[in-house]
Amino acid sequence: MGSIVQYVIKESGKIWELRGTKLFILLTCQNLKFTRLAPNEFNICSTDLRTDGWPLADSPMTPVLLCFAYLFMVKVWGPKFMESRKPFQFQNVMIAYNAFQIVLNGWLFCEIC
């Protein structure tokens, strides 16, 4: 498992360092179609620099770490936490949530149309 994590971290770092340069087999930002410059070479535009400084878009490591944290919580911590507890009863909460979603979506539909 460690080697997979190290590989993902290494490759995402490489991609992050190459942003804004010519990469192989990537889409152009102008028309989202492949633009062939030479055999086996494709053109892309640089990344959107307006997202620099955003908390989840600042580094490729943030989404990778969040995915691993989610997997840890779902596969390891969650089952250990719930093994000696009764299942939560969310039936009334789900009924209220679904009713709210129906009303909200109906209102949005009427506003848009």
PDB file of N, CA and C in Angstrom:
ATOM      1  N   MET A   1       0.826  -1.191   0.000  1.00  0.00           N
ATOM      2  CA  MET A   1       0.000   0.000   0.000  1.00  0.00           C
ATOM      3  C   MET A   1       0.865   1.246   0.000  1.00  0.00           C
ATOM      4  N   GLY A   2       1.978   1.213   0.713  1.00  0.00           N
ATOM      5  CA  GLY A   2       2.861   2.371   0.772  1.00  0.00           C
ATOM      6  C   GLY A   2       3.422   2.738  -0.583  1.00  0.00           C
ATOM      7  N   SER A   3       3.729   1.744  -1.394  1.00  0.00           N
ATOM      8  CA  SER A   3       4.303   2.041  -2.698  1.00  0.00           C
ATOM      9  C   SER A   3       3.278   2.701  -3.611  1.00  0.00           C
ATOM     10  N   ILE A   4       2.009   2.331  -3.483  1.00  0.00           N
ATOM     11  CA  ILE A   4       0.962   2.962  -4.287  1.00  0.00           C
ATOM     12  C   ILE A   4       0.809   4.417  -3.883  1.00  0.00           C
ATOM     13  N   VAL A   5       0.796   4.680  -2.579  1.00  0.00           N
ATOM     14  CA  VAL A   5       0.670   6.049  -2.085  1.00  0.00           C
ATOM     15  C   VAL A   5       1.857   6.884  -2.545  1.00  0.00           C
ATOM     16  N   GLN A   6       3.059   6.339  -2.438  1.00  0.00           N
ATOM     17  CA  GLN A   6       4.241   7.073  -2.868  1.00  0.00           C
ATOM     18  C   GLN A   6       4.200   7.349  -4.364  1.00  0.00           C
ATOM     19  N   TYR A   7       3.716   6.388  -5.144  1.00  0.00           N
ATOM     20  CA  TYR A   7       3.613   6.574  -6.594  1.00  0.00           C
ATOM     21  C   TYR A   7       2.629   7.693  -6.925  1.00  0.00           C
ATOM     22  N   VAL A   8       1.456   7.693  -6.268  1.00  0.00           N
ATOM     23  CA  VAL A   8       0.449   8.725  -6.529  1.00  0.00           C
ATOM     24  C   VAL A   8       0.999  10.101  -6.165  1.00  0.00           C
ATOM     25  N   ILE A   9       1.667  10.205  -5.030  1.00  0.00           N
ATOM     26  CA  ILE A   9       2.234  11.477  -4.600  1.00  0.00           C
ATOM     27  C   ILE A   9       3.296  11.956  -5.593  1.00  0.00           C
ATOM     28  N   LYS A  10       4.153  11.040  -6.031  1.00  0.00           N
ATOM     29  CA  LYS A  10       5.220  11.398  -6.966  1.00  0.00           C
ATOM     30  C   LYS A  10       4.651  11.857  -8.302  1.00  0.00           C
ATOM     31  N   GLU A  11       3.683  11.132  -8.835  1.00  0.00           N
ATOM     32  CA  GLU A  11       3.122  11.481 -10.135  1.00  0.00           C
ATOM     33  C   GLU A  11       2.314  12.772 -10.072  1.00  0.00           C
ATOM     34  N   SER A  12       1.544  12.978  -8.998  1.00  0.00           N
ATOM     35  CA  SER A  12       0.774  14.216  -8.904  1.00  0.00           C
ATOM     36  C   SER A  12       1.707  15.414  -8.768  1.00  0.00           C
ATOM     37  N   GLY A  13       2.828  15.236  -8.099  1.00  0.00           N
ATOM     38  CA  GLY A  13       3.813  16.311  -8.019  1.00  0.00           C
ATOM     39  C   GLY A  13       4.411  16.635  -9.371  1.00  0.00           C
ATOM     40  N   LYS A  14       4.688  15.607 -10.162  1.00  0.00           N
ATOM     41  CA  LYS A  14       5.231  15.833 -11.513  1.00  0.00           C
ATOM     42  C   LYS A  14       4.240  16.609 -12.369  1.00  0.00           C
ATOM     43  N   ILE A  15       2.970  16.213 -12.328  1.00  0.00           N
ATOM     44  CA  ILE A  15       1.952  16.891 -13.124  1.00  0.00           C
ATOM     45  C   ILE A  15       1.822  18.336 -12.675  1.00  0.00           C
ATOM     46  N   TRP A  16       1.859  18.562 -11.370  1.00  0.00           N
ATOM     47  CA  TRP A  16       1.733  19.932 -10.860  1.00  0.00           C
ATOM     48  C   TRP A  16       2.897  20.802 -11.323  1.00  0.00           C
ATOM     49  N   GLU A  17       4.097  20.251 -11.365  1.00  0.00           N
ATOM     50  CA  GLU A  17       5.251  21.019 -11.807  1.00  0.00           C
ATOM     51  C   GLU A  17       5.192  21.324 -13.302  1.00  0.00           C
ATOM     52  N   LEU A  18       4.539  20.493 -14.083  1.00  0.00           N
ATOM     53  CA  LEU A  18       4.490  20.675 -15.527  1.00  0.00           C
ATOM     54  C   LEU A  18       3.318  21.531 -15.996  1.00  0.00           C
ATOM     55  N   ARG A  19       2.514  22.051 -15.068  1.00  0.00           N
ATOM     56  CA  ARG A  19       1.353  22.811 -15.500  1.00  0.00           C
ATOM     57  C   ARG A  19       1.806  24.045 -16.271  1.00  0.00           C
ATOM     58  N   GLY A  20       1.079  24.323 -17.338  1.00  0.00           N
ATOM     59  CA  GLY A  20       1.420  25.464 -18.167  1.00  0.00           C
ATOM     60  C   GLY A  20       2.456  25.159 -19.231  1.00  0.00           C
ATOM     61  N   THR A  21       2.935  23.937 -19.308  1.00  0.00           N
ATOM     62  CA  THR A  21       3.899  23.576 -20.341  1.00  0.00           C
ATOM     63  C   THR A  21       3.226  22.628 -21.326  1.00  0.00           C
ATOM     64  N   LYS A  22       3.964  22.265 -22.365  1.00  0.00           N
ATOM     65  CA  LYS A  22       3.413  21.321 -23.329  1.00  0.00           C
ATOM     66  C   LYS A  22       3.442  19.921 -22.728  1.00  0.00           C
ATOM     67  N   LEU A  23       2.312  19.289 -22.673  1.00  0.00           N
ATOM     68  CA  LEU A  23       2.211  17.922 -22.178  1.00  0.00           C
ATOM     69  C   LEU A  23       1.619  17.060 -23.280  1.00  0.00           C
ATOM     70  N   PHE A  24       1.831  15.773 -23.170  1.00  0.00           N
ATOM     71  CA  PHE A  24       1.276  14.853 -24.152  1.00  0.00           C
ATOM     72  C   PHE A  24      -0.136  14.451 -23.759  1.00  0.00           C
ATOM     73  N   ILE A  25      -0.970  14.330 -24.750  1.00  0.00           N
ATOM     74  CA  ILE A  25      -2.318  13.793 -24.644  1.00  0.00           C
ATOM     75  C   ILE A  25      -3.149  14.527 -23.599  1.00  0.00           C
ATOM     76  N   LEU A  26      -3.213  15.848 -23.700  1.00  0.00           N
ATOM     77  CA  LEU A  26      -4.095  16.633 -22.854  1.00  0.00           C
ATOM     78  C   LEU A  26      -4.931  17.558 -23.726  1.00  0.00           C
ATOM     79  N   LEU A  27      -6.008  18.078 -23.164  1.00  0.00           N
ATOM     80  CA  LEU A  27      -6.937  18.899 -23.931  1.00  0.00           C
ATOM     81  C   LEU A  27      -6.498  20.355 -23.964  1.00  0.00           C
ATOM     82  N   THR A  28      -6.903  21.064 -25.017  1.00  0.00           N
ATOM     83  CA  THR A  28      -6.660  22.495 -25.046  1.00  0.00           C
ATOM     84  C   THR A  28      -7.761  23.190 -24.263  1.00  0.00           C
ATOM     85  N   CYS A  29      -7.458  24.353 -23.737  1.00  0.00           N
ATOM     86  CA  CYS A  29      -8.454  25.112 -22.991  1.00  0.00           C
ATOM     87  C   CYS A  29      -9.370  25.901 -23.918  1.00  0.00           C
ATOM     88  N   GLN A  30      -8.951  26.138 -25.171  1.00  0.00           N
ATOM     89  CA  GLN A  30      -9.765  26.955 -26.057  1.00  0.00           C
ATOM     90  C   GLN A  30     -11.040  26.238 -26.497  1.00  0.00           C
ATOM     91  N   ASN A  31     -10.935  25.032 -27.005  1.00  0.00           N
ATOM     92  CA  ASN A  31     -12.099  24.371 -27.567  1.00  0.00           C
ATOM     93  C   ASN A  31     -12.295  22.953 -27.059  1.00  0.00           C
ATOM     94  N   LEU A  32     -11.527  22.541 -26.076  1.00  0.00           N
ATOM     95  CA  LEU A  32     -11.630  21.206 -25.481  1.00  0.00           C
ATOM     96  C   LEU A  32     -11.542  20.089 -26.515  1.00  0.00           C
ATOM     97  N   LYS A  33     -10.746  20.308 -27.547  1.00  0.00           N
ATOM     98  CA  LYS A  33     -10.474  19.279 -28.543  1.00  0.00           C
ATOM     99  C   LYS A  33      -8.964  19.128 -28.642  1.00  0.00           C
ATOM    100  N   PHE A  34      -8.525  17.984 -29.098  1.00  0.00           N
ATOM    101  CA  PHE A  34      -7.091  17.785 -29.274  1.00  0.00           C
ATOM    102  C   PHE A  34      -6.587  18.675 -30.412  1.00  0.00           C
ATOM    103  N   THR A  35      -5.529  19.393 -30.186  1.00  0.00           N
ATOM    104  CA  THR A  35      -4.893  20.225 -31.200  1.00  0.00           C
ATOM    105  C   THR A  35      -3.516  19.640 -31.452  1.00  0.00           C
ATOM    106  N   ARG A  36      -3.331  19.046 -32.601  1.00  0.00           N
ATOM    107  CA  ARG A  36      -2.070  18.378 -32.898  1.00  0.00           C
ATOM    108  C   ARG A  36      -1.064  19.402 -33.412  1.00  0.00           C
ATOM    109  N   LEU A  37       0.070  19.466 -32.726  1.00  0.00           N
ATOM    110  CA  LEU A  37       1.153  20.356 -33.150  1.00  0.00           C
ATOM    111  C   LEU A  37       2.166  19.613 -33.998  1.00  0.00           C
ATOM    112  N   ALA A  38       2.496  18.440 -33.590  1.00  0.00           N
ATOM    113  CA  ALA A  38       3.455  17.589 -34.281  1.00  0.00           C
ATOM    114  C   ALA A  38       3.060  16.153 -33.941  1.00  0.00           C
ATOM    115  N   PRO A  39       3.636  15.171 -34.588  1.00  0.00           N
ATOM    116  CA  PRO A  39       3.278  13.794 -34.243  1.00  0.00           C
ATOM    117  C   PRO A  39       3.492  13.516 -32.755  1.00  0.00           C
ATOM    118  N   ASN A  40       2.505  12.952 -32.121  1.00  0.00           N
ATOM    119  CA  ASN A  40       2.522  12.575 -30.702  1.00  0.00           C
ATOM    120  C   ASN A  40       2.680  13.759 -29.754  1.00  0.00           C
ATOM    121  N   GLU A  41       2.294  14.948 -30.175  1.00  0.00           N
ATOM    122  CA  GLU A  41       2.391  16.106 -29.300  1.00  0.00           C
ATOM    123  C   GLU A  41       1.081  16.883 -29.339  1.00  0.00           C
ATOM    124  N   PHE A  42       0.603  17.310 -28.196  1.00  0.00           N
ATOM    125  CA  PHE A  42      -0.644  18.051 -28.108  1.00  0.00           C
ATOM    126  C   PHE A  42      -0.398  19.329 -27.323  1.00  0.00           C
ATOM    127  N   ASN A  43      -1.221  20.333 -27.572  1.00  0.00           N
ATOM    128  CA  ASN A  43      -1.059  21.641 -26.949  1.00  0.00           C
ATOM    129  C   ASN A  43      -2.104  21.821 -25.853  1.00  0.00           C
ATOM    130  N   ILE A  44      -1.672  22.373 -24.725  1.00  0.00           N
ATOM    131  CA  ILE A  44      -2.625  22.790 -23.703  1.00  0.00           C
ATOM    132  C   ILE A  44      -2.256  24.190 -23.273  1.00  0.00           C
ATOM    133  N   CYS A  45      -3.242  24.915 -22.752  1.00  0.00           N
ATOM    134  CA  CYS A  45      -2.923  26.220 -22.207  1.00  0.00           C
ATOM    135  C   CYS A  45      -2.593  26.058 -20.728  1.00  0.00           C
ATOM    136  N   SER A  46      -2.053  27.088 -20.136  1.00  0.00           N
ATOM    137  CA  SER A  46      -1.647  26.992 -18.739  1.00  0.00           C
ATOM    138  C   SER A  46      -2.875  26.912 -17.840  1.00  0.00           C
ATOM    139  N   THR A  47      -2.665  26.499 -16.613  1.00  0.00           N
ATOM    140  CA  THR A  47      -3.771  26.375 -15.681  1.00  0.00           C
ATOM    141  C   THR A  47      -4.289  27.752 -15.304  1.00  0.00           C
ATOM    142  N   ASP A  48      -5.480  27.786 -14.766  1.00  0.00           N
ATOM    143  CA  ASP A  48      -6.106  29.033 -14.370  1.00  0.00           C
ATOM    144  C   ASP A  48      -5.421  29.550 -13.110  1.00  0.00           C
ATOM    145  N   LEU A  49      -4.671  30.616 -13.226  1.00  0.00           N
ATOM    146  CA  LEU A  49      -3.907  31.138 -12.107  1.00  0.00           C
ATOM    147  C   LEU A  49      -4.796  31.823 -11.074  1.00  0.00           C
ATOM    148  N   ARG A  50      -6.077  32.061 -11.416  1.00  0.00           N
ATOM    149  CA  ARG A  50      -6.980  32.652 -10.434  1.00  0.00           C
ATOM    150  C   ARG A  50      -7.256  31.706  -9.275  1.00  0.00           C
ATOM    151  N   THR A  51      -7.029  30.415  -9.485  1.00  0.00           N
ATOM    152  CA  THR A  51      -7.265  29.453  -8.416  1.00  0.00           C
ATOM    153  C   THR A  51      -6.058  29.278  -7.508  1.00  0.00           C
ATOM    154  N   ASP A  52      -4.943  29.911  -7.812  1.00  0.00           N
ATOM    155  CA  ASP A  52      -3.786  29.851  -6.909  1.00  0.00           C
ATOM    156  C   ASP A  52      -4.158  30.508  -5.593  1.00  0.00           C
ATOM    157  N   GLY A  53      -3.904  29.817  -4.518  1.00  0.00           N
ATOM    158  CA  GLY A  53      -4.251  30.323  -3.205  1.00  0.00           C
ATOM    159  C   GLY A  53      -5.554  29.779  -2.663  1.00  0.00           C
ATOM    160  N   TRP A  54      -6.374  29.130  -3.503  1.00  0.00           N
ATOM    161  CA  TRP A  54      -7.603  28.520  -3.015  1.00  0.00           C
ATOM    162  C   TRP A  54      -7.221  27.323  -2.144  1.00  0.00           C
ATOM    163  N   PRO A  55      -7.930  27.087  -1.046  1.00  0.00           N
ATOM    164  CA  PRO A  55      -7.517  26.029  -0.116  1.00  0.00           C
ATOM    165  C   PRO A  55      -7.451  24.635  -0.736  1.00  0.00           C
ATOM    166  N   LEU A  56      -8.425  24.247  -1.532  1.00  0.00           N
ATOM    167  CA  LEU A  56      -8.439  22.889  -2.078  1.00  0.00           C
ATOM    168  C   LEU A  56      -7.837  22.801  -3.475  1.00  0.00           C
ATOM    169  N   ALA A  57      -7.474  23.926  -4.072  1.00  0.00           N
ATOM    170  CA  ALA A  57      -6.911  23.916  -5.416  1.00  0.00           C
ATOM    171  C   ALA A  57      -5.471  24.398  -5.435  1.00  0.00           C
ATOM    172  N   ASP A  58      -4.909  24.620  -4.285  1.00  0.00           N
ATOM    173  CA  ASP A  58      -3.563  25.171  -4.214  1.00  0.00           C
ATOM    174  C   ASP A  58      -2.495  24.130  -4.535  1.00  0.00           C
ATOM    175  N   SER A  59      -2.761  22.885  -4.186  1.00  0.00           N
ATOM    176  CA  SER A  59      -1.772  21.833  -4.377  1.00  0.00           C
ATOM    177  C   SER A  59      -2.493  20.547  -4.783  1.00  0.00           C
ATOM    178  N   PRO A  60      -1.868  19.702  -5.582  1.00  0.00           N
ATOM    179  CA  PRO A  60      -2.514  18.432  -5.919  1.00  0.00           C
ATOM    180  C   PRO A  60      -2.557  17.466  -4.730  1.00  0.00           C
ATOM    181  N   MET A  61      -1.792  17.760  -3.692  1.00  0.00           N
ATOM    182  CA  MET A  61      -1.763  16.864  -2.530  1.00  0.00           C
ATOM    183  C   MET A  61      -3.037  16.963  -1.698  1.00  0.00           C
ATOM    184  N   THR A  62      -3.702  18.116  -1.704  1.00  0.00           N
ATOM    185  CA  THR A  62      -4.883  18.302  -0.868  1.00  0.00           C
ATOM    186  C   THR A  62      -5.989  17.313  -1.221  1.00  0.00           C
ATOM    187  N   PRO A  63      -6.419  17.204  -2.482  1.00  0.00           N
ATOM    188  CA  PRO A  63      -7.472  16.234  -2.786  1.00  0.00           C
ATOM    189  C   PRO A  63      -7.024  14.791  -2.551  1.00  0.00           C
ATOM    190  N   VAL A  64      -5.759  14.500  -2.817  1.00  0.00           N
ATOM    191  CA  VAL A  64      -5.255  13.135  -2.595  1.00  0.00           C
ATOM    192  C   VAL A  64      -5.326  12.792  -1.111  1.00  0.00           C
ATOM    193  N   LEU A  65      -4.879  13.710  -0.257  1.00  0.00           N
ATOM    194  CA  LEU A  65      -4.923  13.468   1.187  1.00  0.00           C
ATOM    195  C   LEU A  65      -6.350  13.390   1.698  1.00  0.00           C
ATOM    196  N   LEU A  66      -7.247  14.212   1.146  1.00  0.00           N
ATOM    197  CA  LEU A  66      -8.646  14.140   1.555  1.00  0.00           C
ATOM    198  C   LEU A  66      -9.267  12.798   1.174  1.00  0.00           C
ATOM    199  N   CYS A  67      -8.913  12.275   0.014  1.00  0.00           N
ATOM    200  CA  CYS A  67      -9.431  10.956  -0.400  1.00  0.00           C
ATOM    201  C   CYS A  67      -8.936   9.865   0.536  1.00  0.00           C
ATOM    202  N   PHE A  68      -7.656   9.912   0.883  1.00  0.00           N
ATOM    203  CA  PHE A  68      -7.132   8.904   1.799  1.00  0.00           C
ATOM    204  C   PHE A  68      -7.731   9.044   3.198  1.00  0.00           C
ATOM    205  N   ALA A  69      -7.967  10.265   3.657  1.00  0.00           N
ATOM    206  CA  ALA A  69      -8.611  10.471   4.956  1.00  0.00           C
ATOM    207  C   ALA A  69     -10.035   9.931   4.937  1.00  0.00           C
ATOM    208  N   TYR A  70     -10.747  10.162   3.829  1.00  0.00           N
ATOM    209  CA  TYR A  70     -12.107   9.634   3.699  1.00  0.00           C
ATOM    210  C   TYR A  70     -12.100   8.103   3.728  1.00  0.00           C
ATOM    211  N   LEU A  71     -11.207   7.501   2.973  1.00  0.00           N
ATOM    212  CA  LEU A  71     -11.132   6.041   2.971  1.00  0.00           C
ATOM    213  C   LEU A  71     -10.801   5.488   4.355  1.00  0.00           C
ATOM    214  N   PHE A  72      -9.907   6.153   5.075  1.00  0.00           N
ATOM    215  CA  PHE A  72      -9.570   5.722   6.431  1.00  0.00           C
ATOM    216  C   PHE A  72     -10.793   5.795   7.337  1.00  0.00           C
ATOM    217  N   MET A  73     -11.539   6.899   7.239  1.00  0.00           N
ATOM    218  CA  MET A  73     -12.718   7.039   8.094  1.00  0.00           C
ATOM    219  C   MET A  73     -13.792   6.005   7.762  1.00  0.00           C
ATOM    220  N   VAL A  74     -13.995   5.727   6.488  1.00  0.00           N
ATOM    221  CA  VAL A  74     -15.054   4.802   6.087  1.00  0.00           C
ATOM    222  C   VAL A  74     -14.667   3.347   6.347  1.00  0.00           C
ATOM    223  N   LYS A  75     -13.433   3.000   6.085  1.00  0.00           N
ATOM    224  CA  LYS A  75     -13.023   1.603   6.178  1.00  0.00           C
ATOM    225  C   LYS A  75     -12.460   1.197   7.538  1.00  0.00           C
ATOM    226  N   VAL A  76     -11.848   2.127   8.290  1.00  0.00           N
ATOM    227  CA  VAL A  76     -11.179   1.757   9.540  1.00  0.00           C
ATOM    228  C   VAL A  76     -11.885   2.372  10.747  1.00  0.00           C
ATOM    229  N   TRP A  77     -11.908   3.694  10.811  1.00  0.00           N
ATOM    230  CA  TRP A  77     -12.410   4.363  11.997  1.00  0.00           C
ATOM    231  C   TRP A  77     -13.919   4.195  12.180  1.00  0.00           C
ATOM    232  N   GLY A  78     -14.697   4.317  11.101  1.00  0.00           N
ATOM    233  CA  GLY A  78     -16.157   4.206  11.191  1.00  0.00           C
ATOM    234  C   GLY A  78     -16.627   2.868  11.741  1.00  0.00           C
ATOM    235  N   PRO A  79     -16.171   1.737  11.183  1.00  0.00           N
ATOM    236  CA  PRO A  79     -16.596   0.451  11.733  1.00  0.00           C
ATOM    237  C   PRO A  79     -16.165   0.239  13.186  1.00  0.00           C
ATOM    238  N   LYS A  80     -14.968   0.705  13.559  1.00  0.00           N
ATOM    239  CA  LYS A  80     -14.543   0.577  14.955  1.00  0.00           C
ATOM    240  C   LYS A  80     -15.419   1.424  15.871  1.00  0.00           C
ATOM    241  N   PHE A  81     -15.782   2.613  15.420  1.00  0.00           N
ATOM    242  CA  PHE A  81     -16.612   3.506  16.223  1.00  0.00           C
ATOM    243  C   PHE A  81     -18.011   2.935  16.424  1.00  0.00           C
ATOM    244  N   MET A  82     -18.551   2.260  15.410  1.00  0.00           N
ATOM    245  CA  MET A  82     -19.938   1.797  15.466  1.00  0.00           C
ATOM    246  C   MET A  82     -20.090   0.344  15.916  1.00  0.00           C
ATOM    247  N   GLU A  83     -19.015  -0.365  16.203  1.00  0.00           N
ATOM    248  CA  GLU A  83     -19.150  -1.787  16.505  1.00  0.00           C
ATOM    249  C   GLU A  83     -19.900  -2.055  17.809  1.00  0.00           C
ATOM    250  N   SER A  84     -19.853  -1.182  18.784  1.00  0.00           N
ATOM    251  CA  SER A  84     -20.557  -1.406  20.050  1.00  0.00           C
ATOM    252  C   SER A  84     -21.760  -0.479  20.202  1.00  0.00           C
ATOM    253  N   ARG A  85     -22.235   0.115  19.133  1.00  0.00           N
ATOM    254  CA  ARG A  85     -23.368   1.039  19.185  1.00  0.00           C
ATOM    255  C   ARG A  85     -24.518   0.538  18.337  1.00  0.00           C
ATOM    256  N   LYS A  86     -25.701   1.016  18.674  1.00  0.00           N
ATOM    257  CA  LYS A  86     -26.865   0.735  17.836  1.00  0.00           C
ATOM    258  C   LYS A  86     -26.802   1.618  16.593  1.00  0.00           C
ATOM    259  N   PRO A  87     -27.414   1.175  15.505  1.00  0.00           N
ATOM    260  CA  PRO A  87     -27.450   2.031  14.306  1.00  0.00           C
ATOM    261  C   PRO A  87     -28.240   3.314  14.598  1.00  0.00           C
ATOM    262  N   PHE A  88     -27.794   4.400  14.007  1.00  0.00           N
ATOM    263  CA  PHE A  88     -28.511   5.658  14.164  1.00  0.00           C
ATOM    264  C   PHE A  88     -29.857   5.565  13.455  1.00  0.00           C
ATOM    265  N   GLN A  89     -30.863   6.215  14.022  1.00  0.00           N
ATOM    266  CA  GLN A  89     -32.200   6.238  13.420  1.00  0.00           C
ATOM    267  C   GLN A  89     -32.427   7.602  12.780  1.00  0.00           C
ATOM    268  N   PHE A  90     -32.368   7.643  11.474  1.00  0.00           N
ATOM    269  CA  PHE A  90     -32.505   8.894  10.741  1.00  0.00           C
ATOM    270  C   PHE A  90     -33.781   8.965   9.920  1.00  0.00           C
ATOM    271  N   GLN A  91     -34.769   8.120  10.198  1.00  0.00           N
ATOM    272  CA  GLN A  91     -35.954   8.065   9.352  1.00  0.00           C
ATOM    273  C   GLN A  91     -36.697   9.396   9.341  1.00  0.00           C
ATOM    274  N   ASN A  92     -36.944   9.990  10.506  1.00  0.00           N
ATOM    275  CA  ASN A  92     -37.669  11.267  10.550  1.00  0.00           C
ATOM    276  C   ASN A  92     -36.845  12.397   9.942  1.00  0.00           C
ATOM    277  N   VAL A  93     -35.558  12.391  10.176  1.00  0.00           N
ATOM    278  CA  VAL A  93     -34.690  13.415   9.582  1.00  0.00           C
ATOM    279  C   VAL A  93     -34.701  13.294   8.065  1.00  0.00           C
ATOM    280  N   MET A  94     -34.648  12.080   7.546  1.00  0.00           N
ATOM    281  CA  MET A  94     -34.660  11.877   6.089  1.00  0.00           C
ATOM    282  C   MET A  94     -35.991  12.280   5.471  1.00  0.00           C
ATOM    283  N   ILE A  95     -37.095  12.038   6.170  1.00  0.00           N
ATOM    284  CA  ILE A  95     -38.410  12.462   5.656  1.00  0.00           C
ATOM    285  C   ILE A  95     -38.461  13.982   5.562  1.00  0.00           C
ATOM    286  N   ALA A  96     -37.991  14.665   6.606  1.00  0.00           N
ATOM    287  CA  ALA A  96     -37.989  16.132   6.585  1.00  0.00           C
ATOM    288  C   ALA A  96     -37.052  16.653   5.489  1.00  0.00           C
ATOM    289  N   TYR A  97     -35.879  16.046   5.348  1.00  0.00           N
ATOM    290  CA  TYR A  97     -34.918  16.464   4.320  1.00  0.00           C
ATOM    291  C   TYR A  97     -35.502  16.266   2.924  1.00  0.00           C
ATOM    292  N   ASN A  98     -36.122  15.125   2.673  1.00  0.00           N
ATOM    293  CA  ASN A  98     -36.703  14.870   1.350  1.00  0.00           C
ATOM    294  C   ASN A  98     -37.853  15.824   1.054  1.00  0.00           C
ATOM    295  N   ALA A  99     -38.685  16.130   2.067  1.00  0.00           N
ATOM    296  CA  ALA A  99     -39.771  17.093   1.863  1.00  0.00           C
ATOM    297  C   ALA A  99     -39.198  18.470   1.530  1.00  0.00           C
ATOM    298  N   PHE A 100     -38.141  18.877   2.242  1.00  0.00           N
ATOM    299  CA  PHE A 100     -37.497  20.151   1.960  1.00  0.00           C
ATOM    300  C   PHE A 100     -36.941  20.185   0.534  1.00  0.00           C
ATOM    301  N   GLN A 101     -36.318  19.097   0.097  1.00  0.00           N
ATOM    302  CA  GLN A 101     -35.762  19.039  -1.257  1.00  0.00           C
ATOM    303  C   GLN A 101     -36.858  19.123  -2.313  1.00  0.00           C
ATOM    304  N   ILE A 102     -37.997  18.491  -2.073  1.00  0.00           N
ATOM    305  CA  ILE A 102     -39.105  18.551  -3.026  1.00  0.00           C
ATOM    306  C   ILE A 102     -39.615  19.979  -3.157  1.00  0.00           C
ATOM    307  N   VAL A 103     -39.805  20.640  -2.022  1.00  0.00           N
ATOM    308  CA  VAL A 103     -40.293  22.026  -2.042  1.00  0.00           C
ATOM    309  C   VAL A 103     -39.270  22.946  -2.699  1.00  0.00           C
ATOM    310  N   LEU A 104     -38.012  22.827  -2.328  1.00  0.00           N
ATOM    311  CA  LEU A 104     -36.970  23.684  -2.896  1.00  0.00           C
ATOM    312  C   LEU A 104     -36.832  23.478  -4.399  1.00  0.00           C
ATOM    313  N   ASN A 105     -36.800  22.231  -4.852  1.00  0.00           N
ATOM    314  CA  ASN A 105     -36.672  21.967  -6.286  1.00  0.00           C
ATOM    315  C   ASN A 105     -37.896  22.425  -7.056  1.00  0.00           C
ATOM    316  N   GLY A 106     -39.080  22.284  -6.475  1.00  0.00           N
ATOM    317  CA  GLY A 106     -40.294  22.806  -7.114  1.00  0.00           C
ATOM    318  C   GLY A 106     -40.240  24.314  -7.258  1.00  0.00           C
ATOM    319  N   TRP A 107     -39.786  24.998  -6.191  1.00  0.00           N
ATOM    320  CA  TRP A 107     -39.669  26.454  -6.236  1.00  0.00           C
ATOM    321  C   TRP A 107     -38.633  26.883  -7.278  1.00  0.00           C
ATOM    322  N   LEU A 108     -37.462  26.215  -7.308  1.00  0.00           N
ATOM    323  CA  LEU A 108     -36.447  26.546  -8.303  1.00  0.00           C
ATOM    324  C   LEU A 108     -36.947  26.310  -9.721  1.00  0.00           C
ATOM    325  N   PHE A 109     -37.686  25.237  -9.929  1.00  0.00           N
ATOM    326  CA  PHE A 109     -38.231  24.947 -11.252  1.00  0.00           C
ATOM    327  C   PHE A 109     -39.176  26.066 -11.688  1.00  0.00           C
ATOM    328  N   CYS A 110     -40.046  26.512 -10.773  1.00  0.00           N
ATOM    329  CA  CYS A 110     -40.977  27.592 -11.107  1.00  0.00           C
ATOM    330  C   CYS A 110     -40.235  28.900 -11.361  1.00  0.00           C
ATOM    331  N   GLU A 111     -39.182  29.184 -10.629  1.00  0.00           N
ATOM    332  CA  GLU A 111     -38.430  30.412 -10.826  1.00  0.00           C
ATOM    333  C   GLU A 111     -37.669  30.414 -12.145  1.00  0.00           C
ATOM    334  N   ILE A 112     -37.103  29.272 -12.512  1.00  0.00           N
ATOM    335  CA  ILE A 112     -36.315  29.194 -13.738  1.00  0.00           C
ATOM    336  C   ILE A 112     -37.202  29.197 -14.970  1.00  0.00           C
ATOM    337  N   CYS A 113     -38.300  28.476 -14.898  1.00  0.00           N
ATOM    338  CA  CYS A 113     -39.199  28.402 -16.070  1.00  0.00           C
ATOM    339  C   CYS A 113     -40.140  29.562 -16.036  1.00  0.00           C
TER     340      CYS A 113
END
